[in-house]
Amino acid sequence: MSNNKKQRIKQLLESSFYKNPDAMKEFLAPEIKIKWMSAQGTQHLGYEAFQNKIEQMGKSYEELNADFSHLIEEEDTVAGKFTFWMTTIENPDEVDPVATFMLLARFEQNLVTELELMSVLN
């Protein structure tokens, strides 16, 4: 398990977490607090609610890839900007951007304990 927090975020977002939400256990603390701001408003989620949301999302995508433009680590915090590109089950040969995200992740003992996300659909 890497102690480099930037690498931990990349590993999480480049994993198949959307197909296997249990994989998030390796990266996210069970008591995580998540604040997700989007066009649908602000959501405050815990681990289980986030896991359920990701499970639903995973049903729509054949493949989901994160393309990072920024990833900065300072002490126990990582900030980043990335775009998720996806292929759907119905159209696996077409790759489209889904959304662009800004994130702020705070770590304790190599697990994310607080996560703030801001997303806009592409």
C-alpha atoms as a PDB file:
ATOM      1  CA  MET A   1       0.000   0.000   0.000  1.00  0.00           C
ATOM      2  CA  SER A   2       1.530   3.286  -1.100  1.00  0.00           C
ATOM      3  CA  ASN A   3       2.067   6.107   1.397  1.00  0.00           C
ATOM      4  CA  ASN A   4       2.035   8.625  -1.466  1.00  0.00           C
ATOM      5  CA  LYS A   5      -1.414  10.166  -1.164  1.00  0.00           C
ATOM      6  CA  LYS A   6      -1.534  11.342  -4.791  1.00  0.00           C
ATOM      7  CA  GLN A   7      -0.852   7.773  -5.868  1.00  0.00           C
ATOM      8  CA  ARG A   8      -3.620   6.506  -3.579  1.00  0.00           C
ATOM      9  CA  ILE A   9      -6.145   8.843  -5.252  1.00  0.00           C
ATOM     10  CA  LYS A  10      -4.958   7.784  -8.716  1.00  0.00           C
ATOM     11  CA  GLN A  11      -5.126   4.110  -7.750  1.00  0.00           C
ATOM     12  CA  LEU A  12      -8.684   4.522  -6.504  1.00  0.00           C
ATOM     13  CA  LEU A  13      -9.953   6.428  -9.534  1.00  0.00           C
ATOM     14  CA  GLU A  14      -8.106   4.209 -12.011  1.00  0.00           C
ATOM     15  CA  SER A  15      -9.426   1.026 -10.368  1.00  0.00           C
ATOM     16  CA  SER A  16     -12.706  -0.671 -11.222  1.00  0.00           C
ATOM     17  CA  PHE A  17     -14.355   0.805  -8.120  1.00  0.00           C
ATOM     18  CA  TYR A  18     -17.532   1.509 -10.101  1.00  0.00           C
ATOM     19  CA  LYS A  19     -17.866  -2.214 -10.939  1.00  0.00           C
ATOM     20  CA  ASN A  20     -16.671  -3.455  -7.551  1.00  0.00           C
ATOM     21  CA  PRO A  21     -17.592  -0.902  -4.861  1.00  0.00           C
ATOM     22  CA  ASP A  22     -16.037  -3.156  -2.195  1.00  0.00           C
ATOM     23  CA  ALA A  23     -12.673  -2.172  -3.703  1.00  0.00           C
ATOM     24  CA  MET A  24     -13.205   1.259  -2.110  1.00  0.00           C
ATOM     25  CA  LYS A  25     -12.522  -0.267   1.316  1.00  0.00           C
ATOM     26  CA  GLU A  26      -8.821  -0.182   0.503  1.00  0.00           C
ATOM     27  CA  PHE A  27      -8.920   3.601  -0.001  1.00  0.00           C
ATOM     28  CA  LEU A  28     -11.804   5.116   1.993  1.00  0.00           C
ATOM     29  CA  ALA A  29     -12.228   5.117   5.771  1.00  0.00           C
ATOM     30  CA  PRO A  30     -15.531   3.571   6.962  1.00  0.00           C
ATOM     31  CA  GLU A  31     -16.393   6.840   8.743  1.00  0.00           C
ATOM     32  CA  ILE A  32     -15.658   8.999   5.664  1.00  0.00           C
ATOM     33  CA  LYS A  33     -17.579  12.247   5.220  1.00  0.00           C
ATOM     34  CA  ILE A  34     -18.291  13.137   1.603  1.00  0.00           C
ATOM     35  CA  LYS A  35     -19.631  16.422   0.290  1.00  0.00           C
ATOM     36  CA  TRP A  36     -20.530  16.250  -3.414  1.00  0.00           C
ATOM     37  CA  MET A  37     -21.581  19.451  -5.197  1.00  0.00           C
ATOM     38  CA  SER A  38     -23.138  19.139  -8.644  1.00  0.00           C
ATOM     39  CA  ALA A  39     -25.939  20.565 -10.771  1.00  0.00           C
ATOM     40  CA  GLN A  40     -28.269  18.389  -8.682  1.00  0.00           C
ATOM     41  CA  GLY A  41     -27.293  20.286  -5.543  1.00  0.00           C
ATOM     42  CA  THR A  42     -25.065  19.419  -2.615  1.00  0.00           C
ATOM     43  CA  GLN A  43     -25.147  15.921  -1.194  1.00  0.00           C
ATOM     44  CA  HIS A  44     -23.651  14.860   2.129  1.00  0.00           C
ATOM     45  CA  LEU A  45     -22.825  11.171   2.007  1.00  0.00           C
ATOM     46  CA  GLY A  46     -21.316   8.569   4.256  1.00  0.00           C
ATOM     47  CA  TYR A  47     -19.508   5.454   3.095  1.00  0.00           C
ATOM     48  CA  GLU A  48     -22.607   3.321   2.514  1.00  0.00           C
ATOM     49  CA  ALA A  49     -24.566   6.013   0.639  1.00  0.00           C
ATOM     50  CA  PHE A  50     -21.536   6.753  -1.553  1.00  0.00           C
ATOM     51  CA  GLN A  51     -21.040   3.049  -2.216  1.00  0.00           C
ATOM     52  CA  ASN A  52     -24.708   2.721  -3.261  1.00  0.00           C
ATOM     53  CA  LYS A  53     -24.390   5.719  -5.586  1.00  0.00           C
ATOM     54  CA  ILE A  54     -21.266   4.234  -7.195  1.00  0.00           C
ATOM     55  CA  GLU A  55     -22.991   0.846  -7.607  1.00  0.00           C
ATOM     56  CA  GLN A  56     -25.829   2.515  -9.529  1.00  0.00           C
ATOM     57  CA  MET A  57     -23.346   4.444 -11.661  1.00  0.00           C
ATOM     58  CA  GLY A  58     -21.421   1.256 -12.436  1.00  0.00           C
ATOM     59  CA  LYS A  59     -24.494  -0.283 -14.053  1.00  0.00           C
ATOM     60  CA  SER A  60     -24.420   2.361 -16.810  1.00  0.00           C
ATOM     61  CA  TYR A  61     -20.778   2.142 -17.855  1.00  0.00           C
ATOM     62  CA  GLU A  62     -18.761  -0.569 -19.488  1.00  0.00           C
ATOM     63  CA  GLU A  63     -15.531   1.282 -18.759  1.00  0.00           C
ATOM     64  CA  LEU A  64     -14.697   4.473 -16.850  1.00  0.00           C
ATOM     65  CA  ASN A  65     -11.272   6.130 -17.053  1.00  0.00           C
ATOM     66  CA  ALA A  66      -9.933   9.120 -15.123  1.00  0.00           C
ATOM     67  CA  ASP A  67      -7.782  11.613 -17.028  1.00  0.00           C
ATOM     68  CA  PHE A  68      -5.955  13.875 -14.559  1.00  0.00           C
ATOM     69  CA  SER A  69      -4.951  17.425 -15.450  1.00  0.00           C
ATOM     70  CA  HIS A  70      -3.923  18.389 -11.895  1.00  0.00           C
ATOM     71  CA  LEU A  71      -3.021  16.402  -8.795  1.00  0.00           C
ATOM     72  CA  ILE A  72      -1.338  18.185  -5.890  1.00  0.00           C
ATOM     73  CA  GLU A  73      -0.350  16.795  -2.506  1.00  0.00           C
ATOM     74  CA  GLU A  74       0.389  18.860   0.582  1.00  0.00           C
ATOM     75  CA  GLU A  75       0.769  17.187   3.977  1.00  0.00           C
ATOM     76  CA  ASP A  76      -2.369  15.059   4.496  1.00  0.00           C
ATOM     77  CA  THR A  77      -4.415  16.615   1.683  1.00  0.00           C
ATOM     78  CA  VAL A  78      -4.672  15.967  -2.054  1.00  0.00           C
ATOM     79  CA  ALA A  79      -6.346  18.353  -4.503  1.00  0.00           C
ATOM     80  CA  GLY A  80      -7.047  17.397  -8.076  1.00  0.00           C
ATOM     81  CA  LYS A  81      -8.918  17.970 -11.296  1.00  0.00           C
ATOM     82  CA  PHE A  82      -9.837  15.142 -13.636  1.00  0.00           C
ATOM     83  CA  THR A  83     -12.304  14.099 -16.296  1.00  0.00           C
ATOM     84  CA  PHE A  84     -14.024  10.730 -16.376  1.00  0.00           C
ATOM     85  CA  TRP A  85     -14.226   9.224 -19.868  1.00  0.00           C
ATOM     86  CA  MET A  86     -16.632   6.338 -20.390  1.00  0.00           C
ATOM     87  CA  THR A  87     -17.846   3.685 -22.710  1.00  0.00           C
ATOM     88  CA  THR A  88     -21.370   2.364 -22.309  1.00  0.00           C
ATOM     89  CA  ILE A  89     -22.617  -1.177 -22.515  1.00  0.00           C
ATOM     90  CA  GLU A  90     -24.780  -0.157 -25.494  1.00  0.00           C
ATOM     91  CA  ASN A  91     -21.918   1.524 -27.381  1.00  0.00           C
ATOM     92  CA  PRO A  92     -18.570   0.048 -26.254  1.00  0.00           C
ATOM     93  CA  ASP A  93     -16.611   1.445 -29.228  1.00  0.00           C
ATOM     94  CA  GLU A  94     -17.384   5.088 -28.447  1.00  0.00           C
ATOM     95  CA  VAL A  95     -15.464   6.920 -25.687  1.00  0.00           C
ATOM     96  CA  ASP A  96     -17.109  10.068 -24.326  1.00  0.00           C
ATOM     97  CA  PRO A  97     -16.394  12.440 -21.446  1.00  0.00           C
ATOM     98  CA  VAL A  98     -18.930  12.085 -18.641  1.00  0.00           C
ATOM     99  CA  ALA A  99     -17.991  14.786 -16.158  1.00  0.00           C
ATOM    100  CA  THR A 100     -15.127  16.903 -14.930  1.00  0.00           C
ATOM    101  CA  PHE A 101     -14.362  16.796 -11.226  1.00  0.00           C
ATOM    102  CA  MET A 102     -12.455  18.843  -8.691  1.00  0.00           C
ATOM    103  CA  LEU A 103     -11.597  16.987  -5.522  1.00  0.00           C
ATOM    104  CA  LEU A 104     -10.143  17.687  -2.119  1.00  0.00           C
ATOM    105  CA  ALA A 105      -9.250  14.573  -0.116  1.00  0.00           C
ATOM    106  CA  ARG A 106      -7.998  14.506   3.454  1.00  0.00           C
ATOM    107  CA  PHE A 107      -6.144  11.455   4.726  1.00  0.00           C
ATOM    108  CA  GLU A 108      -5.623   9.810   8.083  1.00  0.00           C
ATOM    109  CA  GLN A 109      -3.563   6.624   8.328  1.00  0.00           C
ATOM    110  CA  ASN A 110      -3.436   6.256   4.533  1.00  0.00           C
ATOM    111  CA  LEU A 111      -7.257   6.303   4.131  1.00  0.00           C
ATOM    112  CA  VAL A 112      -9.434   9.154   2.891  1.00  0.00           C
ATOM    113  CA  THR A 113     -11.521  10.440   5.814  1.00  0.00           C
ATOM    114  CA  GLU A 114     -12.987  13.554   4.155  1.00  0.00           C
ATOM    115  CA  LEU A 115     -13.754  14.008   0.485  1.00  0.00           C
ATOM    116  CA  GLU A 116     -15.147  17.077  -1.239  1.00  0.00           C
ATOM    117  CA  LEU A 117     -16.181  16.719  -4.863  1.00  0.00           C
ATOM    118  CA  MET A 118     -17.445  19.246  -7.363  1.00  0.00           C
ATOM    119  CA  SER A 119     -18.618  17.903 -10.703  1.00  0.00           C
ATOM    120  CA  VAL A 120     -19.994  19.290 -13.945  1.00  0.00           C
ATOM    121  CA  LEU A 121     -21.392  17.159 -16.745  1.00  0.00           C
ATOM    122  CA  ASN A 122     -19.621  17.344 -20.089  1.00  0.00           C
END
